[in-house]
Protein backbone atom coordinates (compact mmCIF):
# COMPACT_ATOMS: atom_id res chain seq x y z
CA MET A 1 0.00 0.00 0.00
CA ARG A 2 1.32 3.42 -0.95
CA LEU A 3 1.42 6.09 1.70
CA ILE A 4 2.74 9.58 2.27
CA VAL A 5 3.27 11.70 5.36
CA ALA A 6 1.92 15.25 5.37
CA ASP A 7 2.63 18.33 7.45
CA THR A 8 0.01 20.91 8.41
CA GLY A 9 0.54 23.44 5.61
CA PRO A 10 -0.22 21.29 2.56
CA ILE A 11 -3.33 19.78 4.14
CA ASN A 12 -4.56 23.20 5.27
CA TYR A 13 -4.14 24.77 1.83
CA LEU A 14 -5.54 21.79 -0.09
CA ILE A 15 -8.66 21.81 2.08
CA GLN A 16 -9.11 25.54 1.55
CA ILE A 17 -8.90 25.27 -2.24
CA GLY A 18 -11.12 22.19 -2.35
CA HIS A 19 -8.45 19.72 -3.51
CA VAL A 20 -7.52 17.71 -0.42
CA ASP A 21 -8.57 14.64 -2.46
CA LEU A 22 -5.27 14.99 -4.34
CA LEU A 23 -3.64 13.40 -1.30
CA PHE A 24 -5.77 10.27 -1.77
CA ARG A 25 -5.01 10.23 -5.48
CA LEU A 26 -1.29 10.56 -4.79
CA ALA A 27 -1.27 7.75 -2.25
CA ARG A 28 -4.02 5.60 -0.84
CA LYS A 29 -3.02 6.54 2.72
CA THR A 30 -1.87 9.83 4.22
CA VAL A 31 -0.22 9.68 7.62
CA ILE A 32 -0.25 12.72 9.89
CA SER A 33 1.00 13.19 13.42
CA PRO A 34 -1.22 14.15 16.36
CA SER A 35 0.54 17.53 16.40
CA VAL A 36 -0.46 18.13 12.76
CA GLN A 37 -4.05 17.29 13.65
CA ALA A 38 -3.86 19.65 16.66
CA GLU A 39 -2.62 22.49 14.42
CA LEU A 40 -5.46 21.84 11.97
CA LEU A 41 -7.92 21.99 14.89
CA HIS A 42 -6.50 25.26 16.27
CA ASP A 43 -9.07 28.01 16.88
CA ALA A 44 -7.33 30.22 14.31
CA ALA A 45 -7.70 27.58 11.57
CA PRO A 46 -10.47 28.11 9.01
CA THR A 47 -13.79 26.42 9.82
CA ASP A 48 -13.56 23.94 6.92
CA VAL A 49 -10.06 22.92 7.99
CA ARG A 50 -11.19 22.34 11.58
CA ALA A 51 -14.20 20.34 10.36
CA TRP A 52 -11.95 18.13 8.21
CA ALA A 53 -9.50 17.57 11.08
CA THR A 54 -12.31 16.73 13.50
CA GLN A 55 -13.27 13.73 11.38
CA PRO A 56 -10.52 13.02 8.87
CA PRO A 57 -11.36 10.71 5.96
CA ALA A 58 -10.75 6.97 6.33
CA TRP A 59 -7.61 7.25 4.18
CA VAL A 60 -5.93 9.46 6.82
CA GLU A 61 -4.05 7.74 9.63
CA ILE A 62 -3.00 9.65 12.72
CA ARG A 63 0.22 8.17 14.05
CA ARG A 64 2.67 9.32 16.70
CA ALA A 65 6.40 9.20 15.99
CA ALA A 66 8.61 7.43 18.49
CA ARG A 67 9.51 10.23 20.91
CA GLU A 68 13.01 8.95 21.56
CA GLN A 69 13.83 9.39 17.88
CA LEU A 70 12.83 13.03 17.61
CA THR A 71 15.75 15.21 16.67
CA GLU A 72 16.86 18.31 18.52
CA ALA A 73 16.86 20.71 15.59
CA LYS A 74 16.01 23.97 17.33
CA GLU A 75 15.61 25.88 14.08
CA ILE A 76 12.47 23.96 13.07
CA SER A 77 9.23 23.40 14.96
CA ALA A 78 8.47 20.33 17.04
CA THR A 79 5.70 19.45 14.56
CA ASP A 80 8.15 19.62 11.65
CA GLN A 81 10.60 17.44 13.55
CA GLU A 82 7.87 14.93 14.31
CA VAL A 83 6.65 14.57 10.72
CA ILE A 84 10.22 14.20 9.45
CA VAL A 85 10.89 11.41 11.94
CA LEU A 86 7.48 9.87 11.20
CA ALA A 87 8.22 9.86 7.44
CA LYS A 88 11.51 8.11 8.16
CA GLU A 89 9.86 5.59 10.52
CA VAL A 90 7.12 4.54 8.09
CA ASN A 91 9.56 4.62 5.17
CA ALA A 92 7.32 7.06 3.31
CA PRO A 93 8.50 7.74 -0.22
CA LEU A 94 7.34 11.36 0.18
CA LEU A 95 6.79 13.99 2.86
CA LEU A 96 4.50 16.88 1.96
CA MET A 97 5.86 19.97 3.67
CA ASP A 98 6.01 23.65 2.76
CA ASP A 99 8.51 25.17 5.21
CA GLN A 100 11.80 25.54 3.31
CA ARG A 101 14.06 25.25 6.34
CA ALA A 102 12.28 22.09 7.50
CA ARG A 103 12.43 20.67 3.97
CA ARG A 104 16.21 21.17 3.84
CA TYR A 105 16.52 19.45 7.18
CA ALA A 106 14.28 16.57 6.01
CA ARG A 107 16.39 16.07 2.88
CA ALA A 108 19.54 16.02 5.03
CA PHE A 109 17.80 13.34 7.11
CA GLY A 110 17.18 11.31 3.92
CA VAL A 111 13.50 12.17 3.46
CA VAL A 112 12.16 13.23 0.05
CA THR A 113 9.95 16.32 0.29
CA PHE A 114 7.41 18.02 -1.92
CA GLY A 115 5.49 21.24 -1.28
CA THR A 116 1.89 22.22 -1.94
CA LEU A 117 2.74 24.16 -5.10
CA GLY A 118 4.84 21.31 -6.44
CA LEU A 119 1.97 18.91 -5.82
CA LEU A 120 -0.49 21.21 -7.62
CA GLU A 121 1.92 21.66 -10.55
CA ALA A 122 2.38 17.89 -10.85
CA ALA A 123 -1.39 17.33 -10.68
CA ALA A 124 -2.00 19.97 -13.36
CA ALA A 125 0.70 18.49 -15.61
CA SER A 126 -0.75 15.02 -15.10
CA LEU A 127 -4.26 16.25 -15.95
CA HIS A 128 -2.94 18.00 -19.06
CA PHE A 129 -1.16 14.79 -20.12
CA LEU A 130 -4.30 12.70 -19.54
CA GLN A 131 -6.41 15.13 -21.57
CA GLN A 132 -3.90 14.99 -24.43
CA TRP A 133 -3.77 11.18 -24.21
CA LYS A 134 -7.57 10.87 -24.27
CA SER A 135 -7.70 13.21 -27.25
CA PHE A 136 -5.01 11.19 -29.05
CA VAL A 137 -6.61 7.83 -28.24
CA GLY A 138 -10.05 9.12 -29.20
CA HIS A 139 -8.69 10.47 -32.48
CA ARG A 140 -6.87 7.20 -33.24
CA SER A 141 -9.90 5.02 -32.51
CA SER A 142 -12.27 7.24 -34.53
CA SER A 143 -9.90 7.14 -37.55
CA ARG A 144 -9.83 3.34 -37.42
CA THR A 145 -13.62 3.07 -37.40
CA SER A 146 -14.05 5.37 -40.41
């Protein structure tokens, strides 16, 4: 089963633009830490984000990283540290994270990262490719039936 780990930012923004389903399309399971869920439930979070975090979809798993493995990188938040360690623990092929400093740290820790904008660009490119492919296949099949 494919899975990814996601930080607060990408989930927050994808919910707000109505495309959180891209996470399910990318991988059948998205793992978040309890601290990510807590940030999504914060009073300052938008209502739709809090509603989503209150009852995440079945394809979202909330999992705690082993505390003894958390790093002591003071320049990034505890939540960022936790999702980096969690991604390493579950051997996730990808960590969705927007904070540039945390992403550099994750890469140094051997974790592949992708941001929200990169995900949206990849999804748009994929959609464009699929539309071109359908057009090509449709054109080829209609020329064979003529």
